[in-house]
Amino acid sequence: MSCFTVLRLKSIAYLRPHSSPKAFFRQYHRYPQGDGKADLWRLRHIIRYSTYLVLIPTLFLLDLWHNPLWGSPLILGAALTLWTPYKRLLPMIADWSMMDKLKAIAWVPIIRVTGDVAKMAGYPVGVWWRLRSLDRGSRGW
């Protein structure tokens, strides 16, 4: 038996919701600025840009112009992307009125897309800052 004891804690963090979609966007615009400054999560950001700027429009156009089956990956992708938020949300709203449940359910994709767009807008700001700092020969933090 080891002389070390493993202590396992379960912690729960409660966060206050943002006061508005604008406040949410602002916060999620700032997070990836730090990623860009520190050159973190480059592949994650490339995947996000590729998905929103190439994959989704391509599948949408193929669905529209060629065969409706091209829309299937869009539906599957949306389901996979929204699965976790809905899995967390549904138990929380069990006692709410039907109208409040529908509002909460409708907000999930809006929040997801808003966060992704904010990240896509913020990351280049951080990268630009890092590249300018390197040009000036300083680390600049």
Protein backbone atom coordinates (compact mmCIF):
# COMPACT_ATOMS: atom_id res chain seq x y z
CA MET A 1 0.00 0.00 0.00
CA SER A 2 1.26 3.44 -0.89
CA CYS A 3 1.98 6.08 1.69
CA PHE A 4 0.18 8.59 -0.52
CA THR A 5 -3.54 9.05 -0.24
CA VAL A 6 -5.47 9.99 -3.32
CA LEU A 7 -8.09 12.58 -2.58
CA ARG A 8 -10.88 12.78 -5.12
CA LEU A 9 -13.05 15.84 -5.05
CA LYS A 10 -16.10 16.60 -7.08
CA SER A 11 -16.56 20.27 -7.64
CA ILE A 12 -19.35 22.23 -9.22
CA ALA A 13 -18.93 25.71 -10.61
CA TYR A 14 -21.88 27.99 -11.12
CA LEU A 15 -21.49 30.91 -13.50
CA ARG A 16 -23.77 33.87 -13.85
CA PRO A 17 -25.20 34.10 -17.37
CA HIS A 18 -24.11 36.97 -19.56
CA SER A 19 -26.34 40.00 -19.37
CA SER A 20 -26.84 40.11 -23.15
CA PRO A 21 -25.81 38.42 -26.39
CA LYS A 22 -23.46 41.37 -26.94
CA ALA A 23 -21.69 40.69 -23.61
CA PHE A 24 -21.43 37.00 -24.51
CA PHE A 25 -19.94 37.87 -27.92
CA ARG A 26 -17.45 40.27 -26.35
CA GLN A 27 -16.18 37.65 -23.89
CA TYR A 28 -15.88 34.94 -26.54
CA HIS A 29 -14.11 37.42 -28.83
CA ARG A 30 -11.48 38.03 -26.15
CA TYR A 31 -10.69 34.37 -25.31
CA PRO A 32 -9.19 33.50 -28.70
CA GLN A 33 -7.24 36.74 -28.82
CA GLY A 34 -5.08 35.21 -26.11
CA ASP A 35 -4.87 32.00 -28.16
CA GLY A 36 -3.62 34.01 -31.13
CA LYS A 37 -1.13 35.96 -29.02
CA ALA A 38 0.30 32.78 -27.48
CA ASP A 39 -0.01 30.72 -30.70
CA LEU A 40 -2.29 28.20 -28.98
CA TRP A 41 -4.93 25.88 -30.45
CA ARG A 42 -4.03 26.71 -34.06
CA LEU A 43 -5.53 23.44 -35.39
CA ARG A 44 -8.77 23.96 -33.44
CA HIS A 45 -9.18 27.42 -34.99
CA ILE A 46 -8.33 26.13 -38.49
CA ILE A 47 -11.00 23.43 -38.09
CA ARG A 48 -13.56 26.05 -37.03
CA TYR A 49 -12.74 28.31 -40.01
CA SER A 50 -12.79 25.35 -42.41
CA THR A 51 -16.13 24.17 -41.10
CA TYR A 52 -17.93 27.52 -41.27
CA LEU A 53 -16.26 28.97 -44.36
CA VAL A 54 -15.78 25.89 -46.55
CA LEU A 55 -17.58 22.74 -45.42
CA ILE A 56 -21.00 24.15 -44.47
CA PRO A 57 -21.35 26.37 -47.57
CA THR A 58 -20.15 23.54 -49.85
CA LEU A 59 -22.60 21.01 -48.42
CA PHE A 60 -25.41 23.57 -48.52
CA LEU A 61 -24.76 24.38 -52.19
CA LEU A 62 -24.45 20.70 -53.13
CA ASP A 63 -27.74 20.07 -51.33
CA LEU A 64 -29.38 22.97 -53.14
CA TRP A 65 -28.00 22.37 -56.65
CA HIS A 66 -27.48 18.61 -56.88
CA ASN A 67 -29.07 16.27 -54.39
CA PRO A 68 -30.90 16.87 -51.11
CA LEU A 69 -28.92 14.04 -49.53
CA TRP A 70 -25.95 16.42 -49.32
CA GLY A 71 -27.85 18.12 -46.51
CA SER A 72 -27.63 15.00 -44.35
CA PRO A 73 -24.10 15.74 -43.08
CA LEU A 74 -25.29 19.23 -42.12
CA ILE A 75 -28.09 17.77 -40.02
CA LEU A 76 -25.76 15.19 -38.47
CA GLY A 77 -23.11 17.84 -37.75
CA ALA A 78 -25.67 20.12 -36.11
CA ALA A 79 -26.98 17.25 -34.00
CA LEU A 80 -23.48 16.31 -32.83
CA THR A 81 -22.57 19.94 -32.11
CA LEU A 82 -25.73 20.60 -30.12
CA TRP A 83 -25.97 17.24 -28.32
CA THR A 84 -23.95 18.20 -25.22
CA PRO A 85 -25.59 21.60 -24.64
CA TYR A 86 -29.06 20.05 -24.94
CA LYS A 87 -28.07 17.13 -22.71
CA ARG A 88 -27.07 19.67 -20.03
CA LEU A 89 -30.04 21.96 -20.60
CA LEU A 90 -32.97 19.57 -20.61
CA PRO A 91 -32.72 18.41 -16.96
CA MET A 92 -32.35 22.04 -15.85
CA ILE A 93 -35.59 23.15 -17.51
CA ALA A 94 -37.79 20.20 -16.54
CA ASP A 95 -39.99 22.32 -14.25
CA TRP A 96 -40.24 25.34 -16.57
CA SER A 97 -43.35 26.33 -18.51
CA MET A 98 -43.62 25.07 -22.09
CA MET A 99 -42.98 28.56 -23.49
CA ASP A 100 -39.83 29.01 -21.40
CA LYS A 101 -38.60 25.56 -22.42
CA LEU A 102 -39.07 26.41 -26.10
CA LYS A 103 -37.22 29.71 -25.68
CA ALA A 104 -34.30 28.00 -23.93
CA ILE A 105 -34.14 25.28 -26.58
CA ALA A 106 -34.20 27.88 -29.37
CA TRP A 107 -31.32 29.84 -27.78
CA VAL A 108 -28.87 26.90 -27.84
CA PRO A 109 -27.91 27.03 -31.57
CA ILE A 110 -27.89 30.83 -31.48
CA ILE A 111 -25.46 30.81 -28.55
CA ARG A 112 -23.27 28.14 -30.18
CA VAL A 113 -22.98 30.00 -33.49
CA THR A 114 -22.49 33.36 -31.77
CA GLY A 115 -19.62 31.93 -29.71
CA ASP A 116 -18.00 30.39 -32.78
CA VAL A 117 -18.30 33.59 -34.83
CA ALA A 118 -16.84 35.58 -31.93
CA LYS A 119 -13.91 33.16 -31.70
CA MET A 120 -13.34 33.36 -35.45
CA ALA A 121 -13.29 37.16 -35.23
CA GLY A 122 -11.04 37.27 -32.16
CA TYR A 123 -8.31 34.80 -33.13
CA PRO A 124 -6.89 36.88 -36.01
CA VAL A 125 -6.71 39.90 -33.68
CA GLY A 126 -4.41 37.95 -31.37
CA VAL A 127 -2.34 36.56 -34.24
CA TRP A 128 -1.95 40.07 -35.69
CA TRP A 129 -0.83 41.35 -32.27
CA ARG A 130 1.76 38.52 -32.00
CA LEU A 131 3.12 39.14 -35.49
CA ARG A 132 3.40 42.88 -34.88
CA SER A 133 5.18 42.24 -31.58
CA LEU A 134 7.67 39.92 -33.29
CA ASP A 135 8.31 42.55 -35.98
CA ARG A 136 9.19 45.03 -33.26
CA GLY A 137 11.56 42.54 -31.68
CA SER A 138 9.68 42.41 -28.40
CA ARG A 139 7.71 39.73 -26.65
CA GLY A 140 5.27 42.49 -25.66
CA TRP A 141 3.23 40.66 -23.04
